[in-house]
N, C-alpha and C. Protein backbone atom coordinates (compact mmCIF):
# COMPACT_ATOMS: atom_id res chain seq x y z
N MET A 1 52.10 -120.19 101.22
CA MET A 1 52.70 -119.76 102.04
C MET A 1 52.59 -118.45 102.18
N ILE A 2 52.06 -117.46 103.12
CA ILE A 2 51.56 -116.32 103.42
C ILE A 2 52.67 -115.58 104.52
N GLU A 3 53.33 -114.33 103.90
CA GLU A 3 54.15 -113.48 104.41
C GLU A 3 52.69 -112.47 105.18
N HIS A 4 53.12 -112.37 106.43
CA HIS A 4 52.21 -110.94 106.89
C HIS A 4 53.11 -110.26 107.47
N THR A 5 53.05 -109.14 107.10
CA THR A 5 53.94 -108.14 107.45
C THR A 5 53.21 -106.91 107.94
N VAL A 6 53.74 -106.25 109.18
CA VAL A 6 53.23 -104.98 109.69
C VAL A 6 54.36 -103.86 109.53
N SER A 7 54.45 -102.53 109.12
CA SER A 7 55.02 -101.71 109.33
C SER A 7 54.65 -101.04 110.12
N PHE A 8 55.51 -100.58 110.78
CA PHE A 8 55.03 -99.27 111.85
C PHE A 8 55.84 -98.56 112.12
N THR A 9 54.97 -97.45 113.32
CA THR A 9 55.95 -96.28 114.04
C THR A 9 55.44 -96.42 115.13
N LEU A 10 56.77 -96.11 116.24
CA LEU A 10 56.37 -96.04 117.56
C LEU A 10 56.14 -94.55 118.29
N LYS A 11 55.49 -94.45 119.44
CA LYS A 11 55.32 -93.00 120.10
C LYS A 11 56.73 -92.76 120.59
N HIS A 12 57.42 -94.11 120.94
CA HIS A 12 58.82 -93.90 121.95
C HIS A 12 59.77 -92.69 121.12
N PRO A 13 60.64 -91.92 121.50
CA PRO A 13 62.04 -91.58 120.86
C PRO A 13 62.83 -92.82 120.37
N ALA A 14 63.19 -92.45 119.23
CA ALA A 14 64.77 -93.35 118.63
C ALA A 14 65.61 -93.50 119.89
N GLY A 15 65.77 -94.73 119.78
CA GLY A 15 67.31 -94.79 121.01
C GLY A 15 66.77 -94.76 122.26
N SER A 16 65.63 -94.54 122.53
CA SER A 16 65.18 -94.68 124.18
C SER A 16 65.05 -96.23 124.65
N ALA A 17 64.69 -96.07 126.34
CA ALA A 17 64.91 -97.48 126.35
C ALA A 17 63.21 -98.01 126.12
N GLU A 18 62.65 -96.99 126.34
CA GLU A 18 60.74 -97.54 125.86
C GLU A 18 61.02 -98.35 124.53
N GLU A 19 61.44 -97.54 123.49
CA GLU A 19 61.46 -98.23 122.21
C GLU A 19 62.53 -99.64 122.31
N LYS A 20 63.52 -99.63 123.03
CA LYS A 20 64.30 -100.60 123.28
C LYS A 20 63.28 -101.93 123.55
N ASP A 21 62.91 -101.71 124.75
CA ASP A 21 62.01 -102.67 125.75
C ASP A 21 60.34 -102.99 124.81
N PHE A 22 60.00 -102.20 123.76
CA PHE A 22 59.01 -102.59 122.64
C PHE A 22 58.89 -103.36 121.80
N ILE A 23 60.44 -102.77 121.17
CA ILE A 23 60.91 -103.75 120.25
C ILE A 23 61.62 -105.53 121.08
N GLU A 24 61.76 -105.60 121.81
CA GLU A 24 62.16 -106.78 122.56
C GLU A 24 60.67 -107.43 123.18
N SER A 25 59.75 -106.72 123.00
CA SER A 25 58.57 -107.27 123.61
C SER A 25 58.01 -107.90 122.32
N LEU A 26 58.47 -107.88 121.10
CA LEU A 26 58.15 -108.43 119.66
C LEU A 26 58.32 -109.51 119.66
N ARG A 27 59.31 -109.91 120.18
CA ARG A 27 59.46 -111.18 120.47
C ARG A 27 58.78 -112.65 120.80
N ASP A 28 57.88 -112.18 121.81
CA ASP A 28 57.10 -113.12 122.16
C ASP A 28 56.22 -113.54 121.16
N ILE A 29 56.47 -112.75 119.73
CA ILE A 29 55.06 -113.27 118.68
C ILE A 29 55.71 -114.07 118.16
N THR A 30 57.14 -114.76 118.10
CA THR A 30 57.64 -115.96 117.69
C THR A 30 56.70 -117.38 118.46
N ASN A 31 56.32 -117.18 119.91
CA ASN A 31 55.58 -118.01 120.47
C ASN A 31 53.86 -118.13 120.18
N MET A 32 53.69 -117.12 119.52
CA MET A 32 51.92 -117.45 118.73
C MET A 32 52.10 -118.68 117.96
N PRO A 33 50.69 -118.97 117.87
CA PRO A 33 50.05 -120.42 117.10
C PRO A 33 50.32 -119.97 115.39
N GLY A 34 51.06 -120.89 114.91
CA GLY A 34 51.76 -120.73 113.49
C GLY A 34 53.07 -120.06 112.78
N VAL A 35 53.13 -118.96 113.74
CA VAL A 35 54.54 -118.30 113.49
C VAL A 35 55.63 -118.77 112.69
N GLN A 36 56.14 -118.31 111.79
CA GLN A 36 57.10 -118.91 111.27
C GLN A 36 58.25 -117.43 110.78
N ASN A 37 59.71 -118.28 110.89
CA ASN A 37 60.51 -116.53 110.30
C ASN A 37 59.99 -115.51 110.66
N PHE A 38 60.04 -115.60 112.32
CA PHE A 38 59.75 -113.62 112.39
C PHE A 38 60.97 -113.24 112.71
N ARG A 39 60.62 -111.85 112.06
CA ARG A 39 61.78 -110.98 111.52
C ARG A 39 61.29 -109.67 111.91
N ILE A 40 62.41 -108.60 112.63
CA ILE A 40 61.98 -107.63 113.13
C ILE A 40 63.31 -106.66 112.30
N ASN A 41 62.67 -105.15 111.47
CA ASN A 41 63.66 -104.79 110.64
C ASN A 41 63.57 -102.99 111.02
N ARG A 42 64.32 -102.73 110.81
CA ARG A 42 64.74 -101.26 111.18
C ARG A 42 64.80 -100.50 109.91
N GLN A 43 63.89 -99.58 109.54
CA GLN A 43 63.75 -98.54 108.35
C GLN A 43 65.00 -97.77 108.51
N VAL A 44 65.97 -98.06 107.27
CA VAL A 44 67.13 -97.01 107.24
C VAL A 44 67.16 -96.36 105.86
N SER A 45 66.18 -95.93 104.97
CA SER A 45 65.59 -95.34 104.13
C SER A 45 64.70 -94.10 104.77
N SER A 46 64.88 -92.81 104.18
CA SER A 46 63.97 -91.94 104.41
C SER A 46 62.88 -91.99 103.58
N LYS A 47 62.75 -92.71 102.60
CA LYS A 47 61.68 -93.06 101.87
C LYS A 47 60.58 -93.28 101.87
N GLY A 48 60.55 -94.02 103.29
CA GLY A 48 59.15 -94.57 103.65
C GLY A 48 58.62 -93.96 105.09
N PRO A 49 57.19 -93.84 105.45
CA PRO A 49 56.88 -92.91 106.60
C PRO A 49 57.02 -94.11 107.84
N PHE A 50 57.30 -95.67 107.76
CA PHE A 50 57.64 -96.05 109.21
C PHE A 50 59.05 -96.38 109.45
N ALA A 51 59.15 -96.31 110.88
CA ALA A 51 60.61 -97.08 111.52
C ALA A 51 60.93 -98.32 111.18
N PHE A 52 59.84 -98.91 111.70
CA PHE A 52 60.33 -100.33 111.76
C PHE A 52 59.48 -101.54 110.82
N GLN A 53 59.39 -102.81 110.91
CA GLN A 53 58.57 -103.37 110.12
C GLN A 53 59.06 -105.02 110.80
N ILE A 54 57.72 -105.65 111.13
CA ILE A 54 58.06 -107.44 111.30
C ILE A 54 57.28 -107.88 110.11
N SER A 55 58.07 -109.29 110.05
CA SER A 55 57.42 -109.91 108.88
C SER A 55 57.48 -111.45 109.50
N MET A 56 56.66 -112.00 109.18
CA MET A 56 56.34 -113.75 109.35
C MET A 56 55.90 -114.45 108.70
N TRP A 57 55.72 -115.36 108.48
CA TRP A 57 55.25 -116.78 107.26
C TRP A 57 54.20 -117.49 108.06
N PHE A 58 53.11 -117.80 107.25
CA PHE A 58 51.93 -118.85 108.05
C PHE A 58 51.86 -120.03 106.70
N ASP A 59 51.89 -120.89 107.12
CA ASP A 59 51.35 -122.02 105.88
C ASP A 59 50.36 -121.64 105.05
N THR A 60 49.23 -121.62 105.81
CA THR A 60 48.03 -121.25 105.26
C THR A 60 47.09 -119.96 105.77
N GLN A 61 45.94 -119.63 105.21
CA GLN A 61 45.22 -118.61 105.56
C GLN A 61 44.27 -118.80 106.77
N ALA A 62 44.25 -120.25 107.37
CA ALA A 62 43.48 -120.25 108.51
C ALA A 62 44.34 -120.63 109.65
N GLU A 63 45.89 -120.58 109.21
CA GLU A 63 46.72 -120.64 110.34
C GLU A 63 46.61 -118.62 110.73
N LEU A 64 46.72 -118.02 109.80
CA LEU A 64 46.92 -116.76 109.68
C LEU A 64 45.82 -116.13 110.56
N ASP A 65 44.64 -116.62 110.20
CA ASP A 65 43.52 -116.33 110.66
C ASP A 65 43.64 -116.72 112.38
N ALA A 66 43.85 -118.09 112.36
CA ALA A 66 43.91 -118.33 113.82
C ALA A 66 44.99 -117.26 114.71
N TYR A 67 46.27 -117.33 114.32
CA TYR A 67 46.76 -115.94 114.92
C TYR A 67 46.27 -115.03 115.32
N ASP A 68 45.79 -114.24 114.46
CA ASP A 68 45.16 -112.92 114.44
C ASP A 68 43.88 -112.92 115.42
N ALA A 69 43.12 -114.26 115.67
CA ALA A 69 42.32 -114.24 116.92
C ALA A 69 42.83 -114.86 117.94
N SER A 70 43.73 -115.56 118.11
CA SER A 70 44.55 -115.77 119.18
C SER A 70 43.99 -114.99 120.66
N LYS A 71 44.10 -115.43 121.36
CA LYS A 71 44.04 -114.58 122.84
C LYS A 71 45.78 -113.91 123.26
N ALA A 72 46.62 -114.90 123.00
CA ALA A 72 48.13 -114.04 123.05
C ALA A 72 48.18 -112.72 122.27
N HIS A 73 47.69 -113.06 120.61
CA HIS A 73 47.82 -111.64 119.68
C HIS A 73 47.07 -110.48 120.05
N VAL A 74 45.70 -110.87 120.42
CA VAL A 74 44.88 -109.97 120.84
C VAL A 74 44.80 -108.98 122.17
N ASP A 75 45.33 -109.99 123.18
CA ASP A 75 46.07 -109.12 124.54
C ASP A 75 47.31 -108.23 123.95
N TYR A 76 48.12 -108.72 123.29
CA TYR A 76 49.59 -108.04 123.37
C TYR A 76 48.79 -106.78 122.32
N VAL A 77 48.15 -107.12 121.49
CA VAL A 77 47.20 -105.85 120.43
C VAL A 77 46.71 -104.43 121.62
N HIS A 78 46.18 -105.23 122.13
CA HIS A 78 45.36 -104.31 123.17
C HIS A 78 46.30 -103.48 124.64
N GLU A 79 47.31 -104.76 124.93
CA GLU A 79 48.23 -104.31 126.13
C GLU A 79 49.40 -102.94 125.71
N ARG A 80 49.85 -103.62 124.84
CA ARG A 80 51.26 -103.16 123.77
C ARG A 80 51.17 -102.28 122.73
N TRP A 81 50.55 -102.89 121.84
CA TRP A 81 50.28 -102.21 120.13
C TRP A 81 49.82 -100.82 120.11
N ILE A 82 48.16 -101.06 120.55
CA ILE A 82 47.73 -99.45 120.64
C ILE A 82 48.15 -98.66 121.53
N PRO A 83 48.57 -98.78 122.56
CA PRO A 83 49.29 -97.79 123.69
C PRO A 83 50.49 -97.10 123.12
N GLU A 84 51.35 -98.35 122.03
CA GLU A 84 52.52 -97.46 121.75
C GLU A 84 53.09 -97.44 120.38
N VAL A 85 51.91 -97.83 119.61
CA VAL A 85 52.24 -97.58 117.66
C VAL A 85 51.54 -96.32 117.32
N THR A 86 52.15 -95.23 117.11
CA THR A 86 51.22 -94.32 116.36
C THR A 86 50.44 -94.73 115.15
N GLU A 87 51.03 -95.14 114.05
CA GLU A 87 50.66 -95.29 113.04
C GLU A 87 51.54 -96.64 112.45
N TRP A 88 50.53 -97.77 111.88
CA TRP A 88 50.76 -99.06 110.95
C TRP A 88 50.17 -99.11 109.66
N GLN A 89 51.11 -100.19 109.16
CA GLN A 89 50.42 -100.62 107.92
C GLN A 89 50.24 -102.15 107.93
N THR A 90 49.38 -103.06 107.83
CA THR A 90 49.29 -104.19 107.72
C THR A 90 49.01 -104.71 106.03
N LEU A 91 50.19 -105.23 105.60
CA LEU A 91 50.37 -106.33 104.46
C LEU A 91 50.51 -107.90 104.17
N ASP A 92 49.83 -108.54 103.68
CA ASP A 92 49.82 -109.72 103.53
C ASP A 92 50.10 -110.63 101.95
N PHE A 93 51.01 -111.39 102.00
CA PHE A 93 51.59 -111.67 100.64
C PHE A 93 51.43 -112.98 99.90
N VAL A 94 51.26 -113.58 99.33
CA VAL A 94 51.64 -114.75 98.45
C VAL A 94 52.55 -114.97 97.35
N GLU A 95 52.96 -115.34 97.24
CA GLU A 95 54.12 -115.42 95.92
C GLU A 95 53.43 -115.66 94.57
N ILE A 96 53.59 -114.98 93.65
CA ILE A 96 52.69 -115.25 92.28
C ILE A 96 53.81 -115.73 91.25
């Protein structure tokens, strides 16, 4: 199993309707190929630079690669992510 995580900050003000709309739009990711155990998290510590994190699991690297290349993912990145996210960090983990 691979845990795919993305920590990010939005350009929208905290608590705004735009922030809420973006966060709700992330739920569409659960319908993308291979995605399991999708979670959206809000940062509650002042120790990190990002306001949010999403996490999802894939059975294999091939599934993660297929998700990343899927039309649904690519369209979301271009239509929502790039215009609305100011900075992000993507990390993928496997248990050791």
